[in-house]
Amino acid sequence: MPRRRVVAAFLIQFAAIYGLLIMPWPGWRNAYGSFFRQMAGATFARANGPTIVRFRPAENPPRPEIDTEILLASRADLDAAGRGPVRILGLDSRGVGWVPSALLLALAGATPLPWSRRWRVLFAGTLLVHGYLLALVASYLWNQSCGLTPVSFLPFWAPLGEFLEETFVNQLGPSFAVPTMIWLLVILAMERPSFFRERFGR
């Protein structure tokens, strides 16, 4: 197939897949938000340690897109009855989680490879994207707890914590840049280094 047609087919398939995935399907936001909270909770919520971490659906969000609340509390501040000050953080699971996941799925699904190899790219890319999402949540918790959780073995440095939160939690750019970079790296790792030149180049 001429390379122009390969590029055109890739762009059309990518746009179609991404458009279908990113559409506000009824019930999908709640379903993905529940999955996101379960994944993050299984990783970071814990019964022991200096900090209590809980994930739950947002009850009175400050903005409509905030669908996930994270409860942070220091055990040192709790009284004998287990009561004490709690910090409530908000997250938009769609913006920070589903947008990069959908982008990776669309890129992998449109990649001009046989489906047997396309599935490998999809699987590896999805694992890496979810690793990125957990790192994003970890940086958010690390900054908001001043280093207490989930990586208390690292010394806390406020400028670094603020930079990580502002860049990866508050900004939308990484939700597009990171999955694109992951897709490129997975392709380069699984295919020949000349893959893009052979398929898309002149």
Protein backbone atom coordinates (compact mmCIF):
# COMPACT_ATOMS: atom_id res chain seq x y z
CA MET A 1 0.00 0.00 0.00
CA PRO A 2 1.41 3.48 -0.86
CA ARG A 3 2.69 5.26 2.21
CA ARG A 4 0.29 8.17 1.81
CA ARG A 5 -2.58 5.73 2.03
CA VAL A 6 -0.97 4.11 5.08
CA VAL A 7 -0.74 7.49 6.81
CA ALA A 8 -4.30 8.40 5.81
CA ALA A 9 -5.63 5.05 7.02
CA PHE A 10 -3.78 5.44 10.33
CA LEU A 11 -5.17 8.94 10.91
CA ILE A 12 -8.72 7.94 10.01
CA GLN A 13 -8.65 4.85 12.23
CA PHE A 14 -7.07 6.80 15.08
CA ALA A 15 -9.68 9.57 14.88
CA ALA A 16 -12.54 7.06 14.74
CA ILE A 17 -11.31 4.96 17.67
CA TYR A 18 -10.40 7.95 19.83
CA GLY A 19 -13.68 9.68 19.06
CA LEU A 20 -15.68 6.62 20.06
CA LEU A 21 -13.66 6.11 23.25
CA ILE A 22 -13.77 9.73 24.40
CA MET A 23 -17.49 10.25 23.80
CA PRO A 24 -19.54 10.74 27.00
CA TRP A 25 -21.27 7.36 26.91
CA PRO A 26 -24.02 7.04 29.56
CA GLY A 27 -22.68 5.43 32.71
CA TRP A 28 -19.12 5.14 31.43
CA ARG A 29 -17.71 7.99 33.52
CA ASN A 30 -19.05 6.41 36.72
CA ALA A 31 -17.79 2.96 35.69
CA TYR A 32 -14.29 4.21 34.90
CA GLY A 33 -14.22 6.37 38.04
CA SER A 34 -15.03 3.29 40.12
CA PHE A 35 -12.24 1.32 38.43
CA PHE A 36 -9.79 4.19 38.94
CA ARG A 37 -10.58 4.43 42.65
CA GLN A 38 -10.28 0.67 43.12
CA MET A 39 -6.92 0.60 41.32
CA ALA A 40 -5.54 3.54 43.29
CA GLY A 41 -7.02 2.30 46.55
CA ALA A 42 -5.53 -1.16 46.12
CA THR A 43 -2.14 0.47 45.60
CA PHE A 44 -2.11 3.27 48.17
CA ALA A 45 -4.84 2.76 50.77
CA ARG A 46 -3.42 1.02 53.79
CA ALA A 47 -4.43 -0.01 57.30
CA ASN A 48 -1.04 0.77 58.84
CA GLY A 49 1.58 3.45 58.46
CA PRO A 50 1.84 7.11 59.46
CA THR A 51 -0.90 8.26 57.07
CA ILE A 52 -4.45 7.08 56.42
CA VAL A 53 -5.42 7.12 52.73
CA ARG A 54 -8.93 6.44 51.43
CA PHE A 55 -10.47 6.82 47.97
CA ARG A 56 -14.19 7.42 47.52
CA PRO A 57 -16.67 8.97 45.05
CA ALA A 58 -16.85 12.75 45.38
CA GLU A 59 -19.76 13.87 47.57
CA ASN A 60 -19.75 17.67 47.22
CA PRO A 61 -17.11 18.41 44.57
CA PRO A 62 -15.95 22.00 44.08
CA ARG A 63 -16.15 21.47 40.30
CA PRO A 64 -18.45 19.15 38.30
CA GLU A 65 -15.57 17.21 36.74
CA ILE A 66 -14.17 16.17 40.14
CA ASP A 67 -15.55 12.66 40.70
CA THR A 68 -12.97 11.20 43.10
CA GLU A 69 -12.07 12.26 46.62
CA ILE A 70 -8.97 11.20 48.51
CA LEU A 71 -9.05 11.37 52.28
CA LEU A 72 -5.69 12.00 53.94
CA ALA A 73 -5.18 11.93 57.68
CA SER A 74 -2.11 11.63 59.90
CA ARG A 75 -2.37 8.94 62.58
CA ALA A 76 -0.37 11.16 64.89
CA ASP A 77 -3.23 13.70 64.86
CA LEU A 78 -5.98 11.24 65.76
CA ASP A 79 -7.44 11.08 69.26
CA ALA A 80 -8.24 7.90 71.21
CA ALA A 81 -11.58 7.57 69.39
CA GLY A 82 -9.87 7.76 65.99
CA ARG A 83 -11.10 11.28 65.22
CA GLY A 84 -8.96 14.07 63.90
CA PRO A 85 -8.35 16.51 61.06
CA VAL A 86 -8.79 15.09 57.54
CA ARG A 87 -7.63 16.61 54.28
CA ILE A 88 -9.90 15.93 51.30
CA LEU A 89 -8.30 16.04 47.86
CA GLY A 90 -10.16 16.03 44.57
CA LEU A 91 -9.34 14.28 41.29
CA ASP A 92 -10.91 14.16 37.86
CA SER A 93 -10.52 10.49 36.99
CA ARG A 94 -11.58 11.09 33.39
CA GLY A 95 -9.03 13.84 32.77
CA VAL A 96 -6.08 12.23 34.50
CA GLY A 97 -6.97 8.59 33.81
CA TRP A 98 -9.33 7.90 30.94
CA VAL A 99 -8.03 10.55 28.51
CA PRO A 100 -4.48 9.10 28.38
CA SER A 101 -5.82 5.54 28.41
CA ALA A 102 -8.15 6.24 25.48
CA LEU A 103 -5.35 7.94 23.55
CA LEU A 104 -3.06 4.94 23.99
CA LEU A 105 -5.84 2.56 22.94
CA ALA A 106 -6.54 4.63 19.82
CA LEU A 107 -2.87 4.87 18.84
CA ALA A 108 -2.29 1.15 19.34
CA GLY A 109 -5.52 0.20 17.60
CA ALA A 110 -4.64 2.28 14.54
CA THR A 111 -1.00 1.17 14.30
CA PRO A 112 -0.37 -0.42 10.88
CA LEU A 113 0.62 -3.86 12.16
CA PRO A 114 -0.95 -7.31 11.95
CA TRP A 115 -3.45 -7.72 14.77
CA SER A 116 -1.34 -10.38 16.46
CA ARG A 117 1.42 -7.81 16.95
CA ARG A 118 -0.97 -4.92 17.48
CA TRP A 119 -2.38 -6.68 20.53
CA ARG A 120 1.12 -6.90 22.02
CA VAL A 121 1.58 -3.15 21.59
CA LEU A 122 -1.84 -2.56 23.13
CA PHE A 123 -1.13 -4.78 26.14
CA ALA A 124 2.34 -3.40 26.88
CA GLY A 125 1.23 0.19 26.33
CA THR A 126 -1.79 -0.20 28.60
CA LEU A 127 0.38 -1.57 31.41
CA LEU A 128 2.80 1.34 31.08
CA VAL A 129 0.02 3.93 30.97
CA HIS A 130 -1.46 2.55 34.17
CA GLY A 131 2.00 2.62 35.73
CA TYR A 132 2.12 6.30 34.80
CA LEU A 133 -1.31 6.87 36.36
CA LEU A 134 -0.20 5.30 39.63
CA ALA A 135 2.96 7.43 39.60
CA LEU A 136 0.75 10.49 39.06
CA VAL A 137 -1.41 9.65 42.06
CA ALA A 138 1.71 8.88 44.10
CA SER A 139 3.19 12.31 43.34
CA TYR A 140 -0.11 13.96 44.31
CA LEU A 141 -0.26 12.11 47.63
CA TRP A 142 3.43 12.70 48.26
CA ASN A 143 3.08 16.44 47.79
CA GLN A 144 -0.17 16.85 49.71
CA SER A 145 1.09 14.79 52.66
CA CYS A 146 4.49 16.51 52.64
CA GLY A 147 6.28 13.23 52.00
CA LEU A 148 4.47 11.02 54.51
CA THR A 149 2.88 8.75 51.89
CA PRO A 150 3.24 6.70 49.80
CA VAL A 151 7.00 7.13 49.49
CA SER A 152 7.98 8.31 52.96
CA PHE A 153 11.53 7.07 52.45
CA LEU A 154 12.14 10.01 50.11
CA PRO A 155 13.02 13.39 51.63
CA PHE A 156 10.26 15.87 50.90
CA TRP A 157 11.18 18.95 48.90
CA ALA A 158 8.25 21.33 48.50
CA PRO A 159 9.30 22.89 45.14
CA LEU A 160 9.62 19.42 43.59
CA GLY A 161 6.29 18.31 45.02
CA GLU A 162 4.52 21.41 43.71
CA PHE A 163 6.13 20.99 40.30
CA LEU A 164 5.05 17.35 40.01
CA GLU A 165 1.49 18.10 41.08
CA GLU A 166 1.12 21.15 38.85
CA THR A 167 2.61 19.38 35.83
CA PHE A 168 1.00 15.95 36.01
CA VAL A 169 -2.22 16.51 37.99
CA ASN A 170 -3.37 20.03 37.15
CA GLN A 171 -2.19 20.32 33.56
CA LEU A 172 -3.89 18.49 30.68
CA GLY A 173 -0.81 18.36 28.43
CA PRO A 174 0.80 15.23 29.97
CA SER A 175 -2.45 13.31 29.42
CA PHE A 176 -1.68 13.56 25.70
CA ALA A 177 2.13 13.69 25.68
CA VAL A 178 2.83 10.75 28.01
CA PRO A 179 0.70 8.07 26.26
CA THR A 180 2.06 9.21 22.88
CA MET A 181 5.62 8.79 24.15
CA ILE A 182 4.74 5.39 25.64
CA TRP A 183 3.26 4.26 22.30
CA LEU A 184 6.39 5.38 20.44
CA LEU A 185 8.71 3.63 22.91
CA VAL A 186 6.68 0.40 22.84
CA ILE A 187 6.72 0.37 19.03
CA LEU A 188 10.47 0.99 18.95
CA ALA A 189 11.06 -1.74 21.54
CA MET A 190 8.88 -4.36 19.82
CA GLU A 191 9.50 -3.53 16.16
CA ARG A 192 12.52 -2.68 14.06
CA PRO A 193 14.03 0.79 14.70
CA SER A 194 13.16 1.62 11.08
CA PHE A 195 9.42 0.91 11.62
CA PHE A 196 8.22 4.51 11.37
CA ARG A 197 10.41 5.33 8.41
CA GLU A 198 9.26 2.22 6.55
CA ARG A 199 5.55 2.68 7.29
CA PHE A 200 5.15 6.46 7.35
CA GLY A 201 8.32 7.92 5.81
CA ARG A 202 8.82 9.04 2.25
